[in-house]
N, C-alpha and C. Protein backbone atom coordinates (compact mmCIF):
# COMPACT_ATOMS: atom_id res chain seq x y z
N MET A 1 -2.12 32.88 -13.13
CA MET A 1 -1.72 32.08 -14.25
C MET A 1 -2.25 32.75 -15.51
N ASN A 2 -1.43 32.81 -16.54
CA ASN A 2 -1.81 33.42 -17.79
C ASN A 2 -2.60 32.41 -18.62
N MET A 3 -3.89 32.66 -18.82
CA MET A 3 -4.75 31.74 -19.56
C MET A 3 -4.96 32.26 -20.98
N HIS A 4 -4.85 31.39 -21.95
CA HIS A 4 -5.13 31.73 -23.35
C HIS A 4 -6.64 31.79 -23.52
N ARG A 5 -7.11 32.41 -24.58
CA ARG A 5 -8.55 32.59 -24.74
C ARG A 5 -9.31 31.28 -24.84
N HIS A 6 -8.67 30.17 -25.14
CA HIS A 6 -9.34 28.87 -25.20
C HIS A 6 -9.32 28.15 -23.87
N GLY A 7 -8.74 28.74 -22.85
CA GLY A 7 -8.77 28.16 -21.53
C GLY A 7 -7.57 27.32 -21.15
N SER A 8 -6.63 27.08 -22.05
CA SER A 8 -5.48 26.26 -21.73
C SER A 8 -4.33 27.13 -21.27
N PRO A 9 -3.69 26.80 -20.15
CA PRO A 9 -2.56 27.60 -19.69
C PRO A 9 -1.34 27.46 -20.58
N PHE A 10 -1.30 26.46 -21.47
CA PHE A 10 -0.13 26.22 -22.31
C PHE A 10 -0.36 26.64 -23.76
N ALA A 11 -1.58 27.05 -24.11
CA ALA A 11 -1.91 27.35 -25.50
C ALA A 11 -1.14 28.55 -26.03
N GLY A 12 -0.85 29.54 -25.21
CA GLY A 12 -0.19 30.74 -25.68
C GLY A 12 1.30 30.77 -25.45
N ARG A 13 1.92 29.68 -25.02
CA ARG A 13 3.35 29.64 -24.72
C ARG A 13 4.17 29.79 -25.99
N SER A 14 5.28 30.44 -25.85
CA SER A 14 6.21 30.54 -26.97
C SER A 14 7.13 29.33 -26.97
N GLN A 15 7.92 29.18 -28.04
CA GLN A 15 8.77 28.02 -28.21
C GLN A 15 9.88 27.93 -27.16
N ASP A 16 10.34 29.09 -26.63
CA ASP A 16 11.47 29.05 -25.70
C ASP A 16 11.08 28.65 -24.28
N GLN A 17 9.81 28.67 -23.94
CA GLN A 17 9.40 28.26 -22.61
C GLN A 17 9.29 26.74 -22.56
N SER A 18 9.54 26.19 -21.39
CA SER A 18 9.52 24.72 -21.26
C SER A 18 8.09 24.22 -21.30
N SER A 19 7.93 23.02 -21.82
CA SER A 19 6.61 22.40 -21.87
C SER A 19 6.37 21.66 -20.56
N PRO A 20 5.12 21.35 -20.27
CA PRO A 20 4.84 20.64 -19.02
C PRO A 20 5.42 19.23 -19.08
N PRO A 21 5.74 18.68 -17.92
CA PRO A 21 6.30 17.32 -17.91
C PRO A 21 5.26 16.33 -18.42
N PRO A 22 5.72 15.26 -19.08
CA PRO A 22 4.76 14.25 -19.57
C PRO A 22 4.09 13.55 -18.40
N ILE A 23 2.85 13.18 -18.62
CA ILE A 23 2.08 12.47 -17.60
C ILE A 23 2.34 10.98 -17.79
N THR A 24 2.77 10.33 -16.74
CA THR A 24 3.03 8.90 -16.79
C THR A 24 1.98 8.20 -15.96
N LEU A 25 1.32 7.23 -16.57
CA LEU A 25 0.28 6.48 -15.89
C LEU A 25 0.73 5.04 -15.77
N ARG A 26 0.79 4.56 -14.57
CA ARG A 26 1.18 3.17 -14.34
C ARG A 26 0.07 2.49 -13.57
N VAL A 27 -0.41 1.40 -14.12
CA VAL A 27 -1.48 0.65 -13.49
C VAL A 27 -0.96 -0.75 -13.21
N ASP A 28 -1.00 -1.15 -11.97
CA ASP A 28 -0.58 -2.49 -11.60
C ASP A 28 -1.82 -3.39 -11.56
N ILE A 29 -1.80 -4.41 -12.40
CA ILE A 29 -2.90 -5.36 -12.47
C ILE A 29 -2.48 -6.62 -11.73
N PRO A 30 -3.32 -7.11 -10.82
CA PRO A 30 -2.99 -8.35 -10.12
C PRO A 30 -2.71 -9.49 -11.11
N ALA A 31 -1.85 -10.41 -10.72
CA ALA A 31 -1.39 -11.48 -11.62
C ALA A 31 -2.55 -12.32 -12.15
N ALA A 32 -3.52 -12.66 -11.31
CA ALA A 32 -4.64 -13.48 -11.76
C ALA A 32 -5.45 -12.76 -12.83
N GLU A 33 -5.68 -11.46 -12.64
CA GLU A 33 -6.43 -10.70 -13.62
C GLU A 33 -5.63 -10.49 -14.89
N ALA A 34 -4.33 -10.29 -14.77
CA ALA A 34 -3.48 -10.14 -15.94
C ALA A 34 -3.50 -11.41 -16.78
N MET A 35 -3.48 -12.58 -16.14
CA MET A 35 -3.53 -13.84 -16.87
C MET A 35 -4.88 -13.99 -17.58
N LEU A 36 -5.96 -13.62 -16.88
CA LEU A 36 -7.29 -13.69 -17.47
C LEU A 36 -7.38 -12.79 -18.71
N LEU A 37 -6.86 -11.58 -18.60
CA LEU A 37 -6.92 -10.63 -19.71
C LEU A 37 -5.99 -11.02 -20.85
N SER A 38 -4.87 -11.66 -20.54
CA SER A 38 -3.90 -12.00 -21.58
C SER A 38 -4.45 -13.03 -22.56
N ARG A 39 -5.41 -13.80 -22.14
CA ARG A 39 -5.98 -14.83 -23.03
C ARG A 39 -7.33 -14.42 -23.61
N ALA A 40 -7.77 -13.20 -23.35
CA ALA A 40 -9.10 -12.77 -23.81
C ALA A 40 -9.20 -12.76 -25.32
N ASP A 41 -8.19 -12.25 -26.01
CA ASP A 41 -8.28 -12.18 -27.47
C ASP A 41 -8.35 -13.57 -28.10
N THR A 42 -7.67 -14.54 -27.52
CA THR A 42 -7.74 -15.91 -28.03
C THR A 42 -9.14 -16.48 -27.83
N ARG A 43 -9.73 -16.23 -26.66
CA ARG A 43 -11.09 -16.72 -26.41
C ARG A 43 -12.10 -16.05 -27.34
N ILE A 44 -11.94 -14.75 -27.57
CA ILE A 44 -12.85 -14.04 -28.46
C ILE A 44 -12.74 -14.60 -29.88
N GLN A 45 -11.51 -14.77 -30.36
CA GLN A 45 -11.30 -15.30 -31.71
C GLN A 45 -11.89 -16.71 -31.84
N ARG A 46 -11.67 -17.54 -30.84
CA ARG A 46 -12.20 -18.91 -30.86
C ARG A 46 -13.73 -18.89 -30.89
N THR A 47 -14.34 -18.03 -30.08
CA THR A 47 -15.79 -17.92 -30.06
C THR A 47 -16.32 -17.45 -31.41
N MET A 48 -15.61 -16.51 -32.02
CA MET A 48 -16.03 -16.02 -33.33
C MET A 48 -16.04 -17.16 -34.36
N TRP A 49 -15.00 -17.98 -34.35
CA TRP A 49 -14.94 -19.09 -35.30
C TRP A 49 -16.03 -20.12 -35.00
N LEU A 50 -16.27 -20.41 -33.73
CA LEU A 50 -17.32 -21.37 -33.39
C LEU A 50 -18.70 -20.88 -33.81
N VAL A 51 -18.98 -19.60 -33.54
CA VAL A 51 -20.27 -19.03 -33.95
C VAL A 51 -20.37 -19.00 -35.47
N GLY A 52 -19.26 -18.69 -36.14
CA GLY A 52 -19.25 -18.68 -37.60
C GLY A 52 -19.55 -20.04 -38.20
N ILE A 53 -18.92 -21.07 -37.66
CA ILE A 53 -19.14 -22.44 -38.15
C ILE A 53 -20.56 -22.90 -37.83
N ALA A 54 -20.98 -22.69 -36.58
CA ALA A 54 -22.33 -23.11 -36.19
C ALA A 54 -23.40 -22.34 -36.97
N GLY A 55 -23.19 -21.06 -37.16
CA GLY A 55 -24.15 -20.27 -37.93
C GLY A 55 -24.20 -20.68 -39.38
N SER A 56 -23.06 -20.96 -39.96
CA SER A 56 -23.03 -21.41 -41.36
C SER A 56 -23.75 -22.74 -41.52
N LEU A 57 -23.50 -23.67 -40.60
CA LEU A 57 -24.19 -24.96 -40.65
C LEU A 57 -25.70 -24.78 -40.46
N GLY A 58 -26.07 -23.94 -39.51
CA GLY A 58 -27.48 -23.68 -39.26
C GLY A 58 -28.17 -23.04 -40.46
N PHE A 59 -27.53 -22.07 -41.08
CA PHE A 59 -28.12 -21.44 -42.26
C PHE A 59 -28.17 -22.41 -43.45
N TRP A 60 -27.18 -23.29 -43.55
CA TRP A 60 -27.18 -24.27 -44.64
C TRP A 60 -28.39 -25.19 -44.52
N VAL A 61 -28.67 -25.65 -43.30
CA VAL A 61 -29.82 -26.53 -43.08
C VAL A 61 -31.12 -25.75 -43.27
N TRP A 62 -31.18 -24.52 -42.75
CA TRP A 62 -32.43 -23.76 -42.74
C TRP A 62 -32.73 -23.09 -44.08
N ARG A 63 -31.70 -22.41 -44.68
CA ARG A 63 -31.96 -21.60 -45.87
C ARG A 63 -31.17 -22.00 -47.11
N GLY A 64 -30.24 -22.94 -46.97
CA GLY A 64 -29.51 -23.39 -48.15
C GLY A 64 -28.10 -22.82 -48.23
N TRP A 65 -27.40 -23.21 -49.30
CA TRP A 65 -25.98 -22.87 -49.46
C TRP A 65 -25.76 -21.36 -49.62
N ALA A 66 -26.69 -20.63 -50.23
CA ALA A 66 -26.49 -19.19 -50.44
C ALA A 66 -26.41 -18.44 -49.10
N TRP A 67 -27.25 -18.83 -48.16
CA TRP A 67 -27.21 -18.19 -46.86
C TRP A 67 -26.00 -18.68 -46.06
N ALA A 68 -25.69 -19.95 -46.16
CA ALA A 68 -24.52 -20.48 -45.45
C ALA A 68 -23.25 -19.82 -45.95
N GLY A 69 -23.13 -19.67 -47.27
CA GLY A 69 -21.95 -19.02 -47.84
C GLY A 69 -21.85 -17.55 -47.46
N GLY A 70 -22.98 -16.86 -47.46
CA GLY A 70 -22.97 -15.46 -47.06
C GLY A 70 -22.56 -15.28 -45.61
N PHE A 71 -23.11 -16.11 -44.75
CA PHE A 71 -22.77 -16.02 -43.33
C PHE A 71 -21.30 -16.38 -43.10
N ALA A 72 -20.83 -17.44 -43.78
CA ALA A 72 -19.44 -17.86 -43.62
C ALA A 72 -18.48 -16.77 -44.09
N LEU A 73 -18.78 -16.12 -45.22
CA LEU A 73 -17.93 -15.05 -45.71
C LEU A 73 -17.93 -13.86 -44.75
N GLY A 74 -19.10 -13.49 -44.25
CA GLY A 74 -19.18 -12.40 -43.28
C GLY A 74 -18.42 -12.71 -42.00
N ALA A 75 -18.55 -13.95 -41.52
CA ALA A 75 -17.86 -14.35 -40.30
C ALA A 75 -16.34 -14.37 -40.50
N ALA A 76 -15.90 -14.84 -41.67
CA ALA A 76 -14.47 -14.87 -41.96
C ALA A 76 -13.90 -13.45 -42.04
N LEU A 77 -14.62 -12.54 -42.68
CA LEU A 77 -14.15 -11.15 -42.75
C LEU A 77 -14.17 -10.48 -41.37
N ALA A 78 -15.16 -10.81 -40.56
CA ALA A 78 -15.21 -10.26 -39.20
C ALA A 78 -14.02 -10.76 -38.38
N SER A 79 -13.67 -12.02 -38.56
CA SER A 79 -12.53 -12.58 -37.84
C SER A 79 -11.22 -11.95 -38.31
N LEU A 80 -11.07 -11.78 -39.62
CA LEU A 80 -9.89 -11.12 -40.16
C LEU A 80 -9.81 -9.67 -39.68
N ASN A 81 -10.94 -8.99 -39.66
CA ASN A 81 -11.00 -7.61 -39.19
C ASN A 81 -10.58 -7.54 -37.72
N PHE A 82 -11.06 -8.47 -36.90
CA PHE A 82 -10.68 -8.49 -35.49
C PHE A 82 -9.18 -8.71 -35.33
N HIS A 83 -8.63 -9.62 -36.11
CA HIS A 83 -7.19 -9.90 -36.04
C HIS A 83 -6.38 -8.65 -36.42
N TRP A 84 -6.76 -7.99 -37.50
CA TRP A 84 -6.05 -6.78 -37.91
C TRP A 84 -6.18 -5.67 -36.88
N MET A 85 -7.37 -5.55 -36.29
CA MET A 85 -7.57 -4.52 -35.27
C MET A 85 -6.71 -4.80 -34.04
N LYS A 86 -6.64 -6.07 -33.65
CA LYS A 86 -5.81 -6.46 -32.50
C LYS A 86 -4.34 -6.15 -32.77
N THR A 87 -3.88 -6.43 -33.99
CA THR A 87 -2.49 -6.14 -34.37
C THR A 87 -2.21 -4.65 -34.31
N ALA A 88 -3.14 -3.85 -34.82
CA ALA A 88 -2.95 -2.39 -34.81
C ALA A 88 -2.94 -1.84 -33.39
N VAL A 89 -3.83 -2.32 -32.55
CA VAL A 89 -3.88 -1.85 -31.16
C VAL A 89 -2.61 -2.25 -30.42
N ASN A 90 -2.13 -3.47 -30.64
CA ASN A 90 -0.88 -3.90 -30.01
C ASN A 90 0.30 -3.07 -30.47
N ALA A 91 0.34 -2.69 -31.76
CA ALA A 91 1.43 -1.87 -32.27
C ALA A 91 1.42 -0.48 -31.63
N VAL A 92 0.24 0.12 -31.53
CA VAL A 92 0.13 1.45 -30.91
C VAL A 92 0.47 1.37 -29.42
N ALA A 93 -0.07 0.37 -28.73
CA ALA A 93 0.22 0.21 -27.30
C ALA A 93 1.71 -0.05 -27.07
N GLY A 94 2.32 -0.85 -27.94
CA GLY A 94 3.75 -1.12 -27.83
C GLY A 94 4.58 0.13 -28.01
N ALA A 95 4.17 0.99 -28.94
CA ALA A 95 4.90 2.24 -29.17
C ALA A 95 4.82 3.14 -27.94
N PHE A 96 3.65 3.22 -27.30
CA PHE A 96 3.51 4.06 -26.11
C PHE A 96 4.28 3.48 -24.93
N SER A 97 4.21 2.18 -24.74
CA SER A 97 4.90 1.59 -23.59
C SER A 97 6.41 1.68 -23.76
N GLN A 98 6.92 1.58 -24.99
CA GLN A 98 8.36 1.69 -25.21
C GLN A 98 8.84 3.09 -24.96
N SER A 99 8.04 4.08 -25.35
CA SER A 99 8.50 5.46 -25.17
C SER A 99 8.60 5.83 -23.70
N ASN A 100 7.87 5.14 -22.83
CA ASN A 100 7.93 5.45 -21.40
C ASN A 100 9.01 4.68 -20.67
N SER A 101 9.51 3.56 -21.25
CA SER A 101 10.39 2.72 -20.47
C SER A 101 11.76 2.46 -21.10
N GLN A 102 12.05 2.99 -22.27
CA GLN A 102 13.31 2.68 -22.93
C GLN A 102 14.06 3.95 -23.28
N SER A 103 15.35 3.76 -23.56
CA SER A 103 16.15 4.88 -24.01
C SER A 103 15.84 5.19 -25.46
N ASP A 104 16.30 6.35 -25.94
CA ASP A 104 16.04 6.76 -27.32
C ASP A 104 16.66 5.79 -28.32
N ALA A 105 17.84 5.24 -28.03
CA ALA A 105 18.48 4.29 -28.94
C ALA A 105 17.67 3.00 -29.05
N ASP A 106 17.16 2.52 -27.91
CA ASP A 106 16.35 1.30 -27.92
C ASP A 106 15.04 1.53 -28.66
N ILE A 107 14.46 2.70 -28.48
CA ILE A 107 13.20 3.02 -29.16
C ILE A 107 13.40 3.05 -30.66
N SER A 108 14.50 3.64 -31.13
CA SER A 108 14.72 3.72 -32.58
C SER A 108 14.95 2.34 -33.17
N LYS A 109 15.61 1.43 -32.44
CA LYS A 109 15.77 0.06 -32.92
C LYS A 109 14.43 -0.64 -33.04
N GLU A 110 13.58 -0.49 -32.02
CA GLU A 110 12.27 -1.13 -32.02
C GLU A 110 11.38 -0.55 -33.11
N ARG A 111 11.45 0.77 -33.32
CA ARG A 111 10.62 1.39 -34.35
C ARG A 111 10.99 0.90 -35.74
N SER A 112 12.27 0.58 -35.96
CA SER A 112 12.66 0.08 -37.27
C SER A 112 12.06 -1.30 -37.53
N LYS A 113 11.74 -2.06 -36.47
CA LYS A 113 11.13 -3.37 -36.61
C LYS A 113 9.61 -3.28 -36.75
N GLN A 114 9.02 -2.20 -36.25
CA GLN A 114 7.57 -2.05 -36.27
C GLN A 114 7.09 -1.50 -37.60
N PRO A 115 5.82 -1.76 -37.95
CA PRO A 115 5.29 -1.22 -39.18
C PRO A 115 5.25 0.31 -39.12
N ARG A 116 5.45 0.93 -40.25
CA ARG A 116 5.40 2.39 -40.33
C ARG A 116 3.98 2.89 -40.10
N LYS A 117 3.87 4.18 -39.75
CA LYS A 117 2.56 4.75 -39.49
C LYS A 117 1.65 4.64 -40.71
N TRP A 118 2.20 4.88 -41.89
CA TRP A 118 1.37 4.81 -43.10
C TRP A 118 0.88 3.39 -43.34
N ALA A 119 1.70 2.39 -42.99
CA ALA A 119 1.28 1.00 -43.16
C ALA A 119 0.13 0.67 -42.21
N LEU A 120 0.18 1.20 -40.99
CA LEU A 120 -0.92 0.99 -40.04
C LEU A 120 -2.20 1.65 -40.55
N MET A 121 -2.07 2.85 -41.12
CA MET A 121 -3.24 3.55 -41.65
C MET A 121 -3.83 2.79 -42.85
N VAL A 122 -2.96 2.27 -43.72
CA VAL A 122 -3.45 1.52 -44.88
C VAL A 122 -4.20 0.28 -44.40
N ARG A 123 -3.64 -0.43 -43.44
CA ARG A 123 -4.32 -1.61 -42.90
C ARG A 123 -5.65 -1.24 -42.25
N PHE A 124 -5.66 -0.11 -41.55
CA PHE A 124 -6.88 0.33 -40.88
C PHE A 124 -8.00 0.54 -41.89
N PHE A 125 -7.71 1.26 -42.96
CA PHE A 125 -8.73 1.53 -43.96
C PHE A 125 -8.98 0.33 -44.87
N LEU A 126 -7.99 -0.52 -45.07
CA LEU A 126 -8.15 -1.71 -45.88
C LEU A 126 -9.18 -2.66 -45.27
N ARG A 127 -9.22 -2.71 -43.95
CA ARG A 127 -10.21 -3.58 -43.29
C ARG A 127 -11.61 -3.24 -43.74
N TYR A 128 -11.95 -1.97 -43.71
CA TYR A 128 -13.30 -1.53 -44.05
C TYR A 128 -13.53 -1.55 -45.56
N ALA A 129 -12.49 -1.27 -46.33
CA ALA A 129 -12.62 -1.33 -47.79
C ALA A 129 -12.90 -2.77 -48.24
N LEU A 130 -12.23 -3.72 -47.61
CA LEU A 130 -12.43 -5.13 -47.95
C LEU A 130 -13.86 -5.55 -47.66
N ILE A 131 -14.40 -5.14 -46.54
CA ILE A 131 -15.78 -5.47 -46.20
C ILE A 131 -16.75 -4.80 -47.17
N ALA A 132 -16.48 -3.54 -47.52
CA ALA A 132 -17.34 -2.82 -48.45
C ALA A 132 -17.32 -3.47 -49.84
N VAL A 133 -16.14 -3.85 -50.32
CA VAL A 133 -16.03 -4.49 -51.63
C VAL A 133 -16.77 -5.83 -51.63
N ALA A 134 -16.61 -6.61 -50.58
CA ALA A 134 -17.30 -7.89 -50.50
C ALA A 134 -18.81 -7.69 -50.48
N GLY A 135 -19.28 -6.74 -49.70
CA GLY A 135 -20.72 -6.44 -49.65
C GLY A 135 -21.25 -5.97 -51.00
N TYR A 136 -20.48 -5.13 -51.68
CA TYR A 136 -20.88 -4.63 -52.99
C TYR A 136 -20.95 -5.77 -54.00
N ALA A 137 -19.95 -6.64 -53.99
CA ALA A 137 -19.93 -7.77 -54.92
C ALA A 137 -21.10 -8.71 -54.66
N ILE A 138 -21.39 -8.96 -53.40
CA ILE A 138 -22.52 -9.82 -53.05
C ILE A 138 -23.83 -9.18 -53.48
N PHE A 139 -23.95 -7.88 -53.26
CA PHE A 139 -25.18 -7.17 -53.60
C PHE A 139 -25.46 -7.27 -55.10
N TRP A 140 -24.44 -7.10 -55.92
CA TRP A 140 -24.65 -7.12 -57.37
C TRP A 140 -24.66 -8.52 -57.96
N SER A 141 -24.00 -9.47 -57.35
CA SER A 141 -23.96 -10.82 -57.92
C SER A 141 -25.17 -11.65 -57.52
N SER A 142 -25.67 -11.43 -56.34
CA SER A 142 -26.80 -12.17 -55.78
C SER A 142 -26.56 -13.67 -55.73
N ALA A 143 -25.30 -14.10 -55.79
CA ALA A 143 -25.00 -15.53 -55.69
C ALA A 143 -25.18 -16.02 -54.26
N ILE A 144 -24.81 -15.17 -53.31
CA ILE A 144 -25.00 -15.54 -51.90
C ILE A 144 -25.80 -14.42 -51.24
N SER A 145 -26.33 -14.71 -50.10
CA SER A 145 -27.24 -13.79 -49.42
C SER A 145 -26.49 -12.63 -48.78
N LEU A 146 -26.86 -11.41 -49.16
CA LEU A 146 -26.29 -10.22 -48.54
C LEU A 146 -26.72 -10.12 -47.07
N THR A 147 -27.95 -10.50 -46.80
CA THR A 147 -28.44 -10.47 -45.41
C THR A 147 -27.61 -11.40 -44.53
N ALA A 148 -27.35 -12.60 -45.02
CA ALA A 148 -26.54 -13.55 -44.25
C ALA A 148 -25.11 -13.04 -44.10
N PHE A 149 -24.57 -12.40 -45.14
CA PHE A 149 -23.23 -11.81 -45.06
C PHE A 149 -23.19 -10.76 -43.94
N LEU A 150 -24.17 -9.88 -43.93
CA LEU A 150 -24.22 -8.83 -42.90
C LEU A 150 -24.38 -9.44 -41.51
N LEU A 151 -25.18 -10.49 -41.40
CA LEU A 151 -25.31 -11.18 -40.10
C LEU A 151 -23.99 -11.80 -39.68
N GLY A 152 -23.25 -12.35 -40.64
CA GLY A 152 -21.96 -12.95 -40.34
C GLY A 152 -20.95 -11.94 -39.80
N LEU A 153 -21.08 -10.69 -40.21
CA LEU A 153 -20.17 -9.66 -39.71
C LEU A 153 -20.33 -9.43 -38.21
N PHE A 154 -21.46 -9.86 -37.66
CA PHE A 154 -21.72 -9.65 -36.24
C PHE A 154 -21.17 -10.75 -35.34
N VAL A 155 -20.42 -11.71 -35.88
CA VAL A 155 -19.85 -12.74 -35.00
C VAL A 155 -18.85 -12.13 -34.02
N SER A 156 -18.25 -11.00 -34.38
CA SER A 156 -17.33 -10.34 -33.44
C SER A 156 -18.10 -9.84 -32.21
N VAL A 157 -19.32 -9.38 -32.42
CA VAL A 157 -20.15 -8.94 -31.29
C VAL A 157 -20.46 -10.14 -30.39
N ALA A 158 -20.77 -11.27 -31.01
CA ALA A 158 -21.03 -12.49 -30.22
C ALA A 158 -19.79 -12.89 -29.43
N GLY A 159 -18.61 -12.79 -30.05
CA GLY A 159 -17.37 -13.11 -29.35
C GLY A 159 -17.11 -12.19 -28.17
N LEU A 160 -17.36 -10.90 -28.36
CA LEU A 160 -17.16 -9.94 -27.27
C LEU A 160 -18.17 -10.15 -26.15
N MET A 161 -19.41 -10.44 -26.52
CA MET A 161 -20.42 -10.68 -25.48
C MET A 161 -20.10 -11.95 -24.69
N ALA A 162 -19.67 -12.98 -25.38
CA ALA A 162 -19.30 -14.22 -24.69
C ALA A 162 -18.12 -13.98 -23.75
N GLU A 163 -17.16 -13.16 -24.17
CA GLU A 163 -16.01 -12.85 -23.31
C GLU A 163 -16.45 -12.06 -22.09
N ALA A 164 -17.38 -11.12 -22.27
CA ALA A 164 -17.88 -10.34 -21.13
C ALA A 164 -18.58 -11.25 -20.12
N VAL A 165 -19.38 -12.19 -20.60
CA VAL A 165 -20.06 -13.14 -19.70
C VAL A 165 -19.03 -14.02 -19.00
N TYR A 166 -18.04 -14.48 -19.76
CA TYR A 166 -16.99 -15.33 -19.17
C TYR A 166 -16.26 -14.60 -18.05
N GLN A 167 -15.87 -13.35 -18.30
CA GLN A 167 -15.14 -12.62 -17.27
C GLN A 167 -16.01 -12.29 -16.07
N ALA A 168 -17.29 -12.01 -16.31
CA ALA A 168 -18.19 -11.75 -15.18
C ALA A 168 -18.34 -13.00 -14.33
N LEU A 169 -18.54 -14.14 -14.98
CA LEU A 169 -18.67 -15.40 -14.22
C LEU A 169 -17.37 -15.75 -13.51
N GLU A 170 -16.25 -15.50 -14.16
CA GLU A 170 -14.95 -15.75 -13.53
C GLU A 170 -14.77 -14.89 -12.28
N ALA A 171 -15.21 -13.65 -12.35
CA ALA A 171 -15.12 -12.75 -11.19
C ALA A 171 -16.00 -13.24 -10.05
N VAL A 172 -17.21 -13.67 -10.37
CA VAL A 172 -18.13 -14.16 -9.34
C VAL A 172 -17.59 -15.42 -8.70
N PHE A 173 -17.14 -16.38 -9.52
CA PHE A 173 -16.67 -17.65 -8.97
C PHE A 173 -15.33 -17.50 -8.25
N SER A 174 -14.47 -16.60 -8.71
CA SER A 174 -13.20 -16.42 -8.00
C SER A 174 -13.44 -15.74 -6.65
N ARG A 175 -14.43 -14.88 -6.57
CA ARG A 175 -14.77 -14.25 -5.29
C ARG A 175 -15.34 -15.29 -4.34
N ASN A 176 -16.17 -16.21 -4.86
CA ASN A 176 -16.72 -17.28 -4.02
C ASN A 176 -15.64 -18.23 -3.55
N ARG A 177 -14.66 -18.52 -4.42
CA ARG A 177 -13.55 -19.40 -4.01
C ARG A 177 -12.70 -18.75 -2.94
N GLY A 178 -12.55 -17.42 -3.01
CA GLY A 178 -11.72 -16.70 -2.04
C GLY A 178 -12.40 -16.56 -0.69
N SER A 179 -13.74 -16.65 -0.64
CA SER A 179 -14.44 -16.46 0.64
C SER A 179 -14.62 -17.75 1.41
N ARG A 180 -14.24 -18.87 0.84
CA ARG A 180 -14.41 -20.15 1.55
C ARG A 180 -13.36 -20.39 2.57
């Protein structure tokens, strides 16, 4: 086999030679697991809102309105960021799954309905710009607590951890139900 200096057998190919066939990966997920996974984003989002509300109330009682407002703003931006990230991931996953299972005409119709690549990139960077602008404004205004705002941004971590625990417990209990 003719190897290019970087180790790839295809790196030195000219345009007239055929490219390797695309790799198709198909994973069959059992129905029960697919149902569990299909509702994960809803559970994560719900947990984020619950932690955001509970944390805001807790900070209001403990440290006052400035901390409650900072935490609430951080939690709201974390929730918005999660929603935008989920939308972007679904758009990319949809584009890949369509290219493997549809004809070129069907793909072009679907692509016209989907957001353009530049729009996805703008949304991707807008998420972080929005958080940075909010943090900067809080830092200079000192009306609400920057520390509480930063803590509020971590409600997404709490949502993901709660989902991981939920799925682990679901796996343990479903295994116990199956062995009876």
